[in-house]
N, C-alpha and C. Protein backbone atom coordinates (compact mmCIF):
# COMPACT_ATOMS: atom_id res chain seq x y z
N UNK A 1 0.84 -1.14 0.03
CA UNK A 1 -0.01 0.02 -0.02
C UNK A 1 0.79 1.35 -0.06
N UNK A 2 1.92 1.20 0.75
CA UNK A 2 2.81 2.48 0.80
C UNK A 2 3.57 2.69 -0.58
N UNK A 3 3.71 1.56 -1.21
CA UNK A 3 4.43 1.72 -2.58
C UNK A 3 3.47 2.50 -3.48
N UNK A 4 2.21 2.10 -3.41
CA UNK A 4 1.08 2.66 -4.31
C UNK A 4 1.06 4.20 -4.06
N UNK A 5 1.01 4.56 -2.80
CA UNK A 5 0.91 5.88 -2.35
C UNK A 5 2.08 6.76 -2.94
N UNK A 6 3.22 6.16 -2.85
CA UNK A 6 4.47 6.89 -3.37
C UNK A 6 4.36 6.92 -4.88
N UNK A 7 3.92 5.87 -5.53
CA UNK A 7 3.85 5.99 -7.02
C UNK A 7 2.81 7.06 -7.46
N UNK A 8 1.66 7.13 -6.83
CA UNK A 8 0.69 8.16 -7.15
C UNK A 8 1.23 9.51 -6.85
N UNK A 9 1.94 9.68 -5.72
CA UNK A 9 2.59 11.01 -5.39
C UNK A 9 3.63 11.36 -6.55
N UNK A 10 4.47 10.41 -6.82
CA UNK A 10 5.45 10.69 -7.93
C UNK A 10 4.79 11.01 -9.25
N UNK A 11 3.73 10.36 -9.61
CA UNK A 11 3.03 10.63 -10.79
C UNK A 11 2.34 12.13 -10.75
N UNK A 12 1.78 12.44 -9.55
CA UNK A 12 1.23 13.81 -9.45
C UNK A 12 2.34 14.88 -9.62
N UNK A 13 3.56 14.59 -9.02
CA UNK A 13 4.71 15.52 -9.08
C UNK A 13 5.04 15.65 -10.57
N UNK A 14 5.24 14.52 -11.35
CA UNK A 14 5.60 14.67 -12.83
C UNK A 14 4.50 15.42 -13.50
N UNK A 15 3.29 15.29 -13.24
CA UNK A 15 2.21 15.97 -13.89
C UNK A 15 2.28 17.52 -13.61
N UNK A 16 2.52 17.90 -12.40
CA UNK A 16 2.69 19.24 -12.02
C UNK A 16 3.91 19.92 -12.73
N UNK A 17 4.98 19.16 -12.73
CA UNK A 17 6.23 19.63 -13.42
C UNK A 17 5.90 19.80 -14.86
N UNK A 18 5.26 18.90 -15.46
CA UNK A 18 4.91 18.96 -16.95
C UNK A 18 3.90 20.24 -17.23
N UNK A 19 3.00 20.43 -16.28
CA UNK A 19 2.16 21.58 -16.42
C UNK A 19 2.97 22.87 -16.35
N UNK A 20 3.90 22.85 -15.45
CA UNK A 20 4.80 24.17 -15.35
C UNK A 20 5.54 24.34 -16.66
N UNK A 21 6.10 23.35 -17.13
CA UNK A 21 6.85 23.55 -18.46
C UNK A 21 6.01 23.94 -19.57
N UNK A 22 4.82 23.49 -19.63
CA UNK A 22 3.85 23.98 -20.66
C UNK A 22 3.50 25.33 -20.45
N UNK A 23 3.22 25.81 -19.24
CA UNK A 23 2.83 27.19 -19.08
C UNK A 23 3.90 28.09 -19.26
N UNK A 24 5.13 27.76 -19.19
CA UNK A 24 6.19 28.68 -19.41
C UNK A 24 6.33 28.96 -20.91
N UNK A 25 5.83 28.06 -21.79
CA UNK A 25 5.86 28.22 -23.27
C UNK A 25 4.68 29.06 -23.77
N UNK A 26 3.74 29.26 -22.92
CA UNK A 26 2.44 30.01 -23.27
C UNK A 26 2.78 31.51 -23.37
N UNK A 27 2.06 32.22 -24.22
CA UNK A 27 2.21 33.57 -24.41
C UNK A 27 0.90 34.33 -24.51
N UNK A 28 0.83 35.54 -24.26
CA UNK A 28 -0.36 36.25 -24.45
C UNK A 28 -0.09 37.56 -25.33
N UNK A 29 -1.15 38.11 -26.02
CA UNK A 29 -0.99 39.25 -26.81
C UNK A 29 -1.89 40.34 -26.19
N UNK A 30 -1.29 41.39 -25.84
CA UNK A 30 -2.07 42.54 -25.25
C UNK A 30 -3.03 43.17 -26.19
N UNK A 31 -4.24 43.28 -25.84
CA UNK A 31 -5.27 43.95 -26.71
C UNK A 31 -5.67 45.21 -26.09
N UNK A 32 -5.52 46.43 -26.69
CA UNK A 32 -5.93 47.63 -26.15
C UNK A 32 -7.31 47.95 -26.54
N UNK A 33 -8.36 47.47 -25.73
CA UNK A 33 -9.64 47.81 -25.99
C UNK A 33 -10.11 49.26 -26.00
N UNK A 34 -9.30 50.07 -25.43
CA UNK A 34 -9.47 51.51 -25.27
C UNK A 34 -9.53 52.09 -26.70
N UNK A 35 -8.75 51.62 -27.59
CA UNK A 35 -8.63 52.14 -28.98
C UNK A 35 -9.66 51.65 -29.81
N UNK A 36 -10.56 50.87 -29.40
CA UNK A 36 -11.74 50.36 -30.22
C UNK A 36 -12.95 51.02 -29.76
N UNK A 37 -13.62 51.62 -30.79
CA UNK A 37 -14.86 52.42 -30.43
C UNK A 37 -16.15 51.71 -30.76
N UNK A 38 -16.01 50.54 -31.38
CA UNK A 38 -17.25 49.70 -31.57
C UNK A 38 -16.97 48.22 -31.73
N UNK A 39 -17.95 47.40 -31.49
CA UNK A 39 -17.84 45.95 -31.55
C UNK A 39 -18.86 45.50 -32.53
N UNK A 40 -18.37 44.57 -33.44
CA UNK A 40 -19.34 43.97 -34.42
C UNK A 40 -19.23 42.47 -34.25
N UNK A 41 -20.32 41.81 -34.54
CA UNK A 41 -20.33 40.36 -34.53
C UNK A 41 -20.69 39.80 -35.94
N UNK A 42 -19.97 38.86 -36.35
CA UNK A 42 -20.23 38.18 -37.64
C UNK A 42 -20.76 36.74 -37.39
N UNK A 43 -21.49 36.23 -38.31
CA UNK A 43 -22.00 34.89 -38.17
C UNK A 43 -20.93 34.02 -38.86
N UNK A 44 -21.36 32.77 -38.99
CA UNK A 44 -20.45 31.76 -39.56
C UNK A 44 -20.44 31.88 -41.08
N UNK A 45 -19.32 31.30 -41.69
CA UNK A 45 -19.16 31.38 -43.10
C UNK A 45 -18.27 30.33 -43.55
N UNK A 46 -18.24 30.04 -44.78
CA UNK A 46 -17.34 28.96 -45.36
C UNK A 46 -16.60 29.55 -46.49
N UNK A 47 -15.23 29.38 -46.35
CA UNK A 47 -14.26 29.65 -47.50
C UNK A 47 -13.95 28.39 -48.24
N UNK A 48 -14.04 28.51 -49.55
CA UNK A 48 -13.60 27.35 -50.33
C UNK A 48 -12.34 27.63 -51.14
N UNK A 49 -11.52 26.57 -51.26
CA UNK A 49 -10.36 26.69 -51.87
C UNK A 49 -10.53 27.13 -53.39
N UNK A 50 -9.82 28.06 -53.87
CA UNK A 50 -9.94 28.47 -55.23
C UNK A 50 -10.89 29.85 -55.33
N UNK A 51 -11.60 29.98 -54.31
CA UNK A 51 -12.43 31.31 -54.38
C UNK A 51 -11.61 32.47 -53.99
N UNK A 52 -11.89 33.67 -54.48
CA UNK A 52 -11.18 34.83 -54.08
C UNK A 52 -11.15 35.11 -52.57
N UNK A 53 -10.19 35.87 -52.07
CA UNK A 53 -10.11 36.17 -50.62
C UNK A 53 -11.45 36.95 -50.27
N UNK A 54 -11.97 36.57 -49.06
CA UNK A 54 -13.19 37.30 -48.46
C UNK A 54 -12.68 38.40 -47.67
N UNK A 55 -13.21 39.62 -48.01
CA UNK A 55 -12.84 40.79 -47.11
C UNK A 55 -13.78 40.87 -45.92
N UNK A 56 -13.16 40.98 -44.73
CA UNK A 56 -13.94 41.10 -43.44
C UNK A 56 -13.80 42.55 -42.99
N UNK A 57 -12.64 43.25 -43.02
CA UNK A 57 -12.48 44.60 -42.74
C UNK A 57 -11.86 45.44 -43.93
N UNK A 58 -12.38 46.60 -44.27
CA UNK A 58 -11.81 47.41 -45.23
C UNK A 58 -12.13 48.87 -45.15
N UNK A 59 -12.38 49.26 -43.83
CA UNK A 59 -12.90 50.59 -43.57
C UNK A 59 -11.82 51.55 -43.05
N UNK A 60 -10.57 51.22 -43.00
CA UNK A 60 -9.47 52.05 -42.47
C UNK A 60 -9.53 52.26 -41.04
N UNK A 61 -10.46 51.60 -40.24
CA UNK A 61 -10.54 51.76 -38.78
C UNK A 61 -9.74 50.73 -38.06
N UNK A 62 -9.50 50.86 -36.78
CA UNK A 62 -8.83 49.84 -36.04
C UNK A 62 -9.90 48.76 -35.58
N UNK A 63 -9.43 47.58 -35.65
CA UNK A 63 -10.34 46.44 -35.26
C UNK A 63 -9.46 45.41 -34.57
N UNK A 64 -10.15 44.73 -33.65
CA UNK A 64 -9.70 43.48 -33.07
C UNK A 64 -10.54 42.27 -33.66
N UNK A 65 -10.00 41.43 -34.25
CA UNK A 65 -10.59 40.38 -34.93
C UNK A 65 -10.29 39.07 -34.27
N UNK A 66 -11.27 38.45 -33.67
CA UNK A 66 -11.10 37.12 -33.06
C UNK A 66 -11.61 36.04 -34.00
N UNK A 67 -10.65 35.37 -34.73
CA UNK A 67 -11.05 34.37 -35.74
C UNK A 67 -11.08 32.99 -35.14
N UNK A 68 -12.20 32.39 -35.28
CA UNK A 68 -12.35 31.03 -34.80
C UNK A 68 -12.71 30.15 -36.07
N UNK A 69 -11.90 29.14 -36.20
CA UNK A 69 -12.00 28.19 -37.33
C UNK A 69 -12.46 26.89 -36.64
N UNK A 70 -13.75 26.54 -36.96
CA UNK A 70 -14.48 25.43 -36.29
C UNK A 70 -14.05 24.11 -36.97
N UNK A 71 -13.94 24.10 -38.31
CA UNK A 71 -13.67 22.92 -39.10
C UNK A 71 -12.81 23.35 -40.33
N UNK A 72 -11.76 22.54 -40.71
CA UNK A 72 -11.05 22.97 -41.86
C UNK A 72 -10.36 21.57 -42.37
N UNK A 73 -10.43 21.53 -43.74
CA UNK A 73 -9.50 20.55 -44.34
C UNK A 73 -8.61 21.22 -45.44
N UNK A 74 -8.46 22.53 -45.11
CA UNK A 74 -7.57 23.39 -45.95
C UNK A 74 -6.98 24.39 -44.94
N UNK A 75 -5.93 25.06 -45.41
CA UNK A 75 -5.35 26.13 -44.58
C UNK A 75 -6.08 27.43 -44.81
N UNK A 76 -6.02 28.27 -43.79
CA UNK A 76 -6.51 29.67 -43.92
C UNK A 76 -5.43 30.67 -43.97
N UNK A 77 -5.46 31.48 -45.09
CA UNK A 77 -4.49 32.60 -45.29
C UNK A 77 -5.13 33.85 -44.84
N UNK A 78 -4.42 34.57 -43.98
CA UNK A 78 -5.02 35.82 -43.41
C UNK A 78 -4.20 37.00 -43.87
N UNK A 79 -4.81 37.96 -44.59
CA UNK A 79 -4.11 39.16 -45.04
C UNK A 79 -4.55 40.31 -44.08
N UNK A 80 -3.62 40.99 -43.40
CA UNK A 80 -4.03 41.99 -42.53
C UNK A 80 -2.96 43.03 -42.40
N UNK A 81 -3.21 44.14 -41.74
CA UNK A 81 -2.17 45.20 -41.42
C UNK A 81 -2.03 45.32 -40.01
N UNK A 82 -0.94 45.41 -39.58
CA UNK A 82 -0.57 45.57 -38.15
C UNK A 82 -1.11 46.88 -37.63
N UNK A 83 -1.23 47.04 -36.33
CA UNK A 83 -1.89 48.16 -35.73
C UNK A 83 -1.20 49.55 -35.99
N UNK A 84 0.06 49.49 -36.49
CA UNK A 84 0.64 50.82 -36.99
C UNK A 84 0.12 51.17 -38.35
N UNK A 85 -0.52 50.34 -39.02
CA UNK A 85 -1.08 50.59 -40.32
C UNK A 85 -0.18 50.56 -41.53
N UNK A 86 1.09 50.41 -41.30
CA UNK A 86 2.14 50.53 -42.34
C UNK A 86 2.48 49.12 -42.82
N UNK A 87 2.44 48.08 -41.92
CA UNK A 87 3.07 46.86 -42.19
C UNK A 87 1.95 45.85 -42.62
N UNK A 88 1.86 45.51 -43.99
CA UNK A 88 1.00 44.44 -44.53
C UNK A 88 1.51 43.08 -43.91
N UNK A 89 0.75 42.19 -43.51
CA UNK A 89 1.06 40.92 -43.02
C UNK A 89 0.29 39.79 -43.54
N UNK A 90 0.84 38.64 -43.58
CA UNK A 90 0.12 37.45 -44.02
C UNK A 90 0.40 36.36 -43.00
N UNK A 91 -0.63 35.79 -42.52
CA UNK A 91 -0.57 34.65 -41.57
C UNK A 91 -1.27 33.38 -42.12
N UNK A 92 -0.63 32.27 -42.04
CA UNK A 92 -1.28 30.99 -42.47
C UNK A 92 -1.60 30.21 -41.18
N UNK A 93 -2.93 29.82 -41.10
CA UNK A 93 -3.41 28.97 -40.04
C UNK A 93 -3.60 27.61 -40.52
N UNK A 94 -3.00 26.65 -40.07
CA UNK A 94 -2.93 25.31 -40.68
C UNK A 94 -4.23 24.38 -40.54
N UNK A 95 -5.05 24.77 -39.64
CA UNK A 95 -6.36 24.00 -39.36
C UNK A 95 -7.19 24.65 -38.42
N UNK A 96 -7.87 23.90 -37.57
CA UNK A 96 -8.79 24.45 -36.62
C UNK A 96 -8.04 25.35 -35.58
N UNK A 97 -8.80 26.28 -34.97
CA UNK A 97 -8.14 26.95 -33.81
C UNK A 97 -8.72 28.41 -33.71
N UNK A 98 -8.20 29.22 -32.73
CA UNK A 98 -8.68 30.56 -32.60
C UNK A 98 -7.43 31.36 -32.53
N UNK A 99 -7.55 32.61 -33.11
CA UNK A 99 -6.46 33.51 -33.15
C UNK A 99 -7.03 34.91 -33.12
N UNK A 100 -6.33 35.86 -32.49
CA UNK A 100 -6.66 37.12 -32.30
C UNK A 100 -5.72 38.15 -33.16
N UNK A 101 -6.41 39.12 -33.87
CA UNK A 101 -5.58 40.02 -34.63
C UNK A 101 -5.98 41.45 -34.22
N UNK A 102 -4.95 42.37 -34.17
CA UNK A 102 -5.29 43.78 -34.12
C UNK A 102 -4.95 44.31 -35.49
N UNK A 103 -5.91 44.81 -36.21
CA UNK A 103 -5.68 45.25 -37.55
C UNK A 103 -6.25 46.69 -37.81
N UNK A 104 -5.65 47.24 -38.91
CA UNK A 104 -6.07 48.51 -39.26
C UNK A 104 -6.15 48.43 -40.83
N UNK A 105 -7.28 48.96 -41.37
CA UNK A 105 -7.45 49.02 -42.90
C UNK A 105 -8.00 47.83 -43.45
N UNK A 106 -7.36 46.64 -43.27
CA UNK A 106 -7.83 45.47 -43.95
C UNK A 106 -7.70 44.17 -43.21
N UNK A 107 -8.54 43.22 -43.56
CA UNK A 107 -8.49 41.94 -42.97
C UNK A 107 -9.24 41.00 -44.03
N UNK A 108 -8.54 40.14 -44.63
CA UNK A 108 -9.16 39.26 -45.65
C UNK A 108 -8.69 37.81 -45.33
N UNK A 109 -9.55 36.87 -45.66
CA UNK A 109 -9.30 35.54 -45.44
C UNK A 109 -9.41 34.67 -46.83
N UNK A 110 -8.57 33.65 -46.93
CA UNK A 110 -8.58 32.96 -48.16
C UNK A 110 -8.29 31.47 -47.76
N UNK A 111 -9.06 30.48 -48.38
CA UNK A 111 -8.69 29.14 -48.06
C UNK A 111 -7.80 28.62 -49.10
N UNK A 112 -6.68 27.97 -48.67
CA UNK A 112 -5.68 27.51 -49.59
C UNK A 112 -5.44 26.00 -49.36
N UNK A 113 -5.16 25.22 -50.45
CA UNK A 113 -4.91 23.85 -50.27
C UNK A 113 -5.43 23.14 -51.50
N UNK A 114 -5.83 21.92 -51.33
CA UNK A 114 -6.41 21.07 -52.37
C UNK A 114 -7.76 21.49 -52.94
N UNK A 115 -8.07 21.42 -54.18
CA UNK A 115 -9.36 21.82 -54.67
C UNK A 115 -10.43 21.03 -54.02
N UNK A 116 -11.67 21.64 -53.91
CA UNK A 116 -12.90 21.04 -53.24
C UNK A 116 -12.67 20.99 -51.73
N UNK A 117 -11.68 21.64 -51.15
CA UNK A 117 -11.56 21.71 -49.65
C UNK A 117 -12.09 22.99 -49.19
N UNK A 118 -12.34 23.09 -47.86
CA UNK A 118 -12.94 24.31 -47.33
C UNK A 118 -12.53 24.58 -45.94
N UNK A 119 -12.89 25.87 -45.44
CA UNK A 119 -12.63 26.27 -44.08
C UNK A 119 -13.85 26.88 -43.53
N UNK A 120 -14.28 26.46 -42.29
CA UNK A 120 -15.44 27.08 -41.73
C UNK A 120 -15.25 27.82 -40.44
């Protein structure tokens, strides 16, 4: 019985140490909500490989976009401008996930990959 208690304690210690290592690799991006004067909500949509990029933002204003990809059998290419407005950027998201962007002027999405694939 004592051996089992020690084994469980050792396993718990290893799990805690692993959680600490994982948390050290985590990062956060600061979002300045004071610089945003309005919030909008979009519904779901589907991007298909081969279709032109879908424009989400093109008004020259500052936006925080929280992009959630629920299902994907293609990659999502994101065209956006950094919050300084001068630096165009491209980010490729390989599958499902959530990502936050602070953008000015533009935010476009495109599905890339094999024909007949899509991103939702």
